[in-house]
């Protein structure tokens, strides 16, 4: 069993309130969950309007599949026109960890 995590630091567009921030972040989280069947949550920068830290986690039988899923999730977020992906950090945990 392999577990992969992905941390995405994103800069939101013209957002001036928590309500506007939710209206940008929630659809991204919902799309990631639906399309890739991963666990996703907003895990950081909760007090900032224009920044968000998204945490993604997935489990699979082999490490290559986990990497493919995390690559796809990162690409989906990076391609969104209303946000800018600032950084992406990933970790892969396998049976030897």
N, C-alpha and C. Protein backbone atom coordinates (compact mmCIF):
# COMPACT_ATOMS: atom_id res chain seq x y z
N UNK A 1 0.85 -1.18 0.00
CA UNK A 1 0.00 0.00 0.00
C UNK A 1 0.89 1.24 0.00
N UNK A 2 0.53 2.20 -0.81
CA UNK A 2 1.24 3.47 -0.89
C UNK A 2 0.27 4.61 -0.60
N UNK A 3 0.74 5.58 0.16
CA UNK A 3 -0.04 6.76 0.50
C UNK A 3 0.70 7.97 -0.04
N UNK A 4 0.00 8.82 -0.77
CA UNK A 4 0.60 10.03 -1.31
C UNK A 4 -0.12 11.26 -0.81
N UNK A 5 0.66 12.29 -0.52
CA UNK A 5 0.07 13.57 -0.11
C UNK A 5 0.62 14.67 -1.00
N UNK A 6 -0.20 15.66 -1.22
CA UNK A 6 0.15 16.80 -2.05
C UNK A 6 -0.33 18.06 -1.34
N UNK A 7 0.55 19.03 -1.21
CA UNK A 7 0.21 20.31 -0.59
C UNK A 7 0.35 21.39 -1.65
N UNK A 8 -0.75 22.06 -1.94
CA UNK A 8 -0.79 23.07 -3.00
C UNK A 8 -1.01 24.45 -2.38
N UNK A 9 -0.07 25.33 -2.57
CA UNK A 9 -0.17 26.71 -2.10
C UNK A 9 -0.64 27.56 -3.28
N UNK A 10 -1.81 28.15 -3.17
CA UNK A 10 -2.38 28.89 -4.29
C UNK A 10 -2.67 30.34 -3.91
N UNK A 11 -2.53 31.20 -4.90
CA UNK A 11 -2.87 32.61 -4.78
C UNK A 11 -4.17 32.82 -5.54
N UNK A 12 -5.16 33.33 -4.84
CA UNK A 12 -6.48 33.54 -5.45
C UNK A 12 -6.50 34.89 -6.14
N UNK A 13 -7.39 35.04 -7.09
CA UNK A 13 -7.50 36.29 -7.85
C UNK A 13 -8.00 37.44 -6.99
N UNK A 14 -8.92 38.20 -7.51
CA UNK A 14 -9.46 39.39 -6.84
C UNK A 14 -10.48 38.96 -5.79
N UNK A 15 -9.99 38.57 -4.62
CA UNK A 15 -10.84 38.09 -3.53
C UNK A 15 -10.70 39.06 -2.37
N UNK A 16 -11.83 39.53 -1.85
CA UNK A 16 -11.80 40.53 -0.79
C UNK A 16 -12.56 40.11 0.48
N UNK A 17 -13.06 38.87 0.51
CA UNK A 17 -13.78 38.42 1.70
C UNK A 17 -13.68 36.90 1.80
N UNK A 18 -14.04 36.39 2.96
CA UNK A 18 -14.05 34.93 3.14
C UNK A 18 -15.12 34.29 2.26
N UNK A 19 -16.20 34.98 2.06
CA UNK A 19 -17.27 34.45 1.21
C UNK A 19 -16.77 34.29 -0.22
N UNK A 20 -16.08 35.27 -0.74
CA UNK A 20 -15.52 35.17 -2.09
C UNK A 20 -14.47 34.07 -2.15
N UNK A 21 -13.67 33.95 -1.10
CA UNK A 21 -12.65 32.90 -1.06
C UNK A 21 -13.31 31.53 -1.13
N UNK A 22 -14.36 31.31 -0.36
CA UNK A 22 -15.08 30.04 -0.39
C UNK A 22 -15.64 29.75 -1.77
N UNK A 23 -16.12 30.80 -2.45
CA UNK A 23 -16.72 30.59 -3.78
C UNK A 23 -15.69 30.19 -4.82
N UNK A 24 -14.41 30.44 -4.55
CA UNK A 24 -13.34 30.02 -5.46
C UNK A 24 -12.80 28.65 -5.05
N UNK A 25 -12.59 28.44 -3.75
CA UNK A 25 -11.93 27.23 -3.26
C UNK A 25 -12.86 26.02 -3.29
N UNK A 26 -14.10 26.18 -2.89
CA UNK A 26 -15.02 25.03 -2.82
C UNK A 26 -15.20 24.29 -4.15
N UNK A 27 -15.39 24.98 -5.26
CA UNK A 27 -15.52 24.24 -6.54
C UNK A 27 -14.26 23.46 -6.91
N UNK A 28 -13.10 23.98 -6.56
CA UNK A 28 -11.85 23.27 -6.85
C UNK A 28 -11.78 21.99 -6.02
N UNK A 29 -12.10 22.10 -4.75
CA UNK A 29 -12.10 20.93 -3.87
C UNK A 29 -13.11 19.90 -4.37
N UNK A 30 -14.30 20.35 -4.74
CA UNK A 30 -15.33 19.42 -5.21
C UNK A 30 -14.91 18.72 -6.50
N UNK A 31 -14.28 19.45 -7.40
CA UNK A 31 -13.86 18.84 -8.67
C UNK A 31 -12.75 17.82 -8.45
N UNK A 32 -11.80 18.12 -7.58
CA UNK A 32 -10.74 17.16 -7.27
C UNK A 32 -11.32 15.89 -6.67
N UNK A 33 -12.25 16.04 -5.73
CA UNK A 33 -12.87 14.87 -5.10
C UNK A 33 -13.62 14.03 -6.11
N UNK A 34 -14.39 14.69 -6.94
CA UNK A 34 -15.23 13.97 -7.90
C UNK A 34 -14.40 13.30 -9.00
N UNK A 35 -13.47 14.02 -9.56
CA UNK A 35 -12.72 13.51 -10.71
C UNK A 35 -11.70 12.44 -10.34
N UNK A 36 -11.01 12.62 -9.20
CA UNK A 36 -9.91 11.73 -8.86
C UNK A 36 -10.15 10.88 -7.62
N UNK A 37 -11.28 11.06 -6.96
CA UNK A 37 -11.62 10.30 -5.75
C UNK A 37 -10.51 10.36 -4.70
N UNK A 38 -10.09 11.57 -4.39
CA UNK A 38 -9.05 11.82 -3.39
C UNK A 38 -9.67 12.56 -2.21
N UNK A 39 -8.96 12.55 -1.10
CA UNK A 39 -9.36 13.35 0.06
C UNK A 39 -8.72 14.73 -0.11
N UNK A 40 -9.53 15.78 0.02
CA UNK A 40 -9.05 17.15 -0.17
C UNK A 40 -9.63 18.04 0.92
N UNK A 41 -8.81 18.96 1.41
CA UNK A 41 -9.29 19.94 2.39
C UNK A 41 -8.44 21.20 2.29
N UNK A 42 -9.04 22.31 2.68
CA UNK A 42 -8.27 23.55 2.82
C UNK A 42 -7.57 23.46 4.17
N UNK A 43 -6.24 23.41 4.16
CA UNK A 43 -5.49 23.10 5.37
C UNK A 43 -4.66 24.26 5.90
N UNK A 44 -4.60 25.37 5.20
CA UNK A 44 -3.79 26.47 5.68
C UNK A 44 -4.18 27.79 5.07
N UNK A 45 -3.57 28.85 5.60
CA UNK A 45 -3.85 30.24 5.18
C UNK A 45 -5.34 30.57 5.36
N UNK A 46 -5.92 30.04 6.42
CA UNK A 46 -7.36 30.23 6.64
C UNK A 46 -7.70 31.68 6.97
N UNK A 47 -6.74 32.41 7.50
CA UNK A 47 -7.01 33.80 7.89
C UNK A 47 -6.70 34.79 6.78
N UNK A 48 -6.18 34.32 5.65
CA UNK A 48 -5.85 35.19 4.52
C UNK A 48 -6.90 35.05 3.43
N UNK A 49 -7.32 36.16 2.83
CA UNK A 49 -8.34 36.11 1.80
C UNK A 49 -7.80 35.62 0.46
N UNK A 50 -6.61 36.02 0.10
CA UNK A 50 -6.10 35.75 -1.25
C UNK A 50 -5.20 34.53 -1.34
N UNK A 51 -5.02 33.80 -0.25
CA UNK A 51 -4.16 32.61 -0.27
C UNK A 51 -4.92 31.43 0.29
N UNK A 52 -4.56 30.26 -0.21
CA UNK A 52 -5.14 29.04 0.31
C UNK A 52 -4.12 27.92 0.21
N UNK A 53 -4.14 27.03 1.16
CA UNK A 53 -3.29 25.85 1.15
C UNK A 53 -4.21 24.64 1.09
N UNK A 54 -4.13 23.90 0.00
CA UNK A 54 -4.98 22.73 -0.19
C UNK A 54 -4.17 21.47 0.07
N UNK A 55 -4.72 20.57 0.85
CA UNK A 55 -4.09 19.29 1.11
C UNK A 55 -4.84 18.19 0.39
N UNK A 56 -4.11 17.35 -0.34
CA UNK A 56 -4.69 16.25 -1.10
C UNK A 56 -4.02 14.97 -0.62
N UNK A 57 -4.81 13.90 -0.46
CA UNK A 57 -4.26 12.60 -0.07
C UNK A 57 -4.94 11.50 -0.86
N UNK A 58 -4.15 10.46 -1.18
CA UNK A 58 -4.69 9.32 -1.89
C UNK A 58 -3.95 8.05 -1.48
N UNK A 59 -4.59 6.91 -1.69
CA UNK A 59 -4.02 5.61 -1.36
C UNK A 59 -4.19 4.71 -2.57
N UNK A 60 -3.14 3.92 -2.88
CA UNK A 60 -3.22 2.99 -4.00
C UNK A 60 -2.27 1.81 -3.75
N UNK A 61 -2.39 0.82 -4.60
CA UNK A 61 -1.59 -0.38 -4.47
C UNK A 61 -0.13 -0.15 -4.83
N UNK A 62 0.13 0.68 -5.83
CA UNK A 62 1.52 0.92 -6.21
C UNK A 62 1.84 2.42 -6.26
N UNK A 63 3.12 2.71 -6.12
CA UNK A 63 3.58 4.09 -6.06
C UNK A 63 3.38 4.86 -7.35
N UNK A 64 3.50 4.17 -8.49
CA UNK A 64 3.32 4.84 -9.78
C UNK A 64 1.90 5.38 -9.92
N UNK A 65 0.93 4.61 -9.48
CA UNK A 65 -0.47 5.07 -9.57
C UNK A 65 -0.70 6.29 -8.67
N UNK A 66 -0.12 6.26 -7.49
CA UNK A 66 -0.24 7.41 -6.57
C UNK A 66 0.37 8.64 -7.21
N UNK A 67 1.56 8.51 -7.80
CA UNK A 67 2.20 9.66 -8.46
C UNK A 67 1.35 10.18 -9.62
N UNK A 68 0.76 9.28 -10.40
CA UNK A 68 -0.10 9.71 -11.51
C UNK A 68 -1.30 10.51 -11.02
N UNK A 69 -1.92 10.05 -9.95
CA UNK A 69 -3.08 10.76 -9.39
C UNK A 69 -2.67 12.14 -8.90
N UNK A 70 -1.57 12.21 -8.16
CA UNK A 70 -1.11 13.51 -7.63
C UNK A 70 -0.69 14.45 -8.75
N UNK A 71 -0.06 13.93 -9.80
CA UNK A 71 0.29 14.75 -10.97
C UNK A 71 -0.97 15.34 -11.60
N UNK A 72 -2.00 14.51 -11.75
CA UNK A 72 -3.26 14.97 -12.35
C UNK A 72 -3.92 16.05 -11.49
N UNK A 73 -3.90 15.87 -10.19
CA UNK A 73 -4.48 16.87 -9.28
C UNK A 73 -3.73 18.19 -9.38
N UNK A 74 -2.42 18.11 -9.40
CA UNK A 74 -1.61 19.33 -9.51
C UNK A 74 -1.88 20.04 -10.83
N UNK A 75 -1.97 19.29 -11.90
CA UNK A 75 -2.24 19.87 -13.22
C UNK A 75 -3.61 20.54 -13.26
N UNK A 76 -4.62 19.90 -12.68
CA UNK A 76 -5.96 20.48 -12.67
C UNK A 76 -5.96 21.83 -11.96
N UNK A 77 -5.29 21.92 -10.82
CA UNK A 77 -5.24 23.18 -10.07
C UNK A 77 -4.42 24.22 -10.83
N UNK A 78 -3.31 23.82 -11.41
CA UNK A 78 -2.44 24.75 -12.14
C UNK A 78 -3.13 25.34 -13.36
N UNK A 79 -4.06 24.61 -13.96
CA UNK A 79 -4.74 25.07 -15.17
C UNK A 79 -5.93 25.97 -14.90
N UNK A 80 -6.30 26.14 -13.63
CA UNK A 80 -7.45 26.99 -13.31
C UNK A 80 -7.06 28.45 -13.55
N UNK A 81 -7.83 29.19 -14.37
CA UNK A 81 -7.46 30.57 -14.70
C UNK A 81 -7.65 31.57 -13.55
N UNK A 82 -8.51 31.24 -12.58
CA UNK A 82 -8.80 32.21 -11.52
C UNK A 82 -7.81 32.16 -10.36
N UNK A 83 -6.87 31.22 -10.40
CA UNK A 83 -5.88 31.12 -9.34
C UNK A 83 -4.49 30.94 -9.92
N UNK A 84 -3.48 31.14 -9.08
CA UNK A 84 -2.09 30.92 -9.48
C UNK A 84 -1.48 29.93 -8.50
N UNK A 85 -0.95 28.85 -9.01
CA UNK A 85 -0.29 27.84 -8.18
C UNK A 85 1.11 28.35 -7.83
N UNK A 86 1.34 28.61 -6.53
CA UNK A 86 2.62 29.13 -6.09
C UNK A 86 3.64 28.02 -5.84
N UNK A 87 3.19 26.93 -5.22
CA UNK A 87 4.09 25.81 -4.97
C UNK A 87 3.31 24.53 -4.75
N UNK A 88 3.98 23.42 -4.98
CA UNK A 88 3.39 22.11 -4.76
C UNK A 88 4.45 21.23 -4.10
N UNK A 89 4.09 20.61 -3.00
CA UNK A 89 4.99 19.72 -2.27
C UNK A 89 4.30 18.38 -2.12
N UNK A 90 5.01 17.31 -2.45
CA UNK A 90 4.40 15.99 -2.34
C UNK A 90 5.26 15.06 -1.52
N UNK A 91 4.58 14.07 -0.96
CA UNK A 91 5.25 13.02 -0.20
C UNK A 91 4.62 11.69 -0.59
N UNK A 92 5.45 10.66 -0.61
CA UNK A 92 4.99 9.32 -0.93
C UNK A 92 5.47 8.39 0.17
N UNK A 93 4.54 7.69 0.78
CA UNK A 93 4.85 6.75 1.85
C UNK A 93 4.55 5.35 1.34
N UNK A 94 5.52 4.46 1.46
CA UNK A 94 5.35 3.09 0.99
C UNK A 94 5.44 2.10 2.13
N UNK A 95 5.47 0.83 1.80
CA UNK A 95 5.50 -0.21 2.84
C UNK A 95 6.77 -0.19 3.70
N UNK A 96 7.83 0.39 3.19
CA UNK A 96 9.08 0.43 3.95
C UNK A 96 9.16 1.62 4.89
N UNK A 97 8.22 2.54 4.84
CA UNK A 97 8.27 3.75 5.68
C UNK A 97 7.67 3.52 7.05
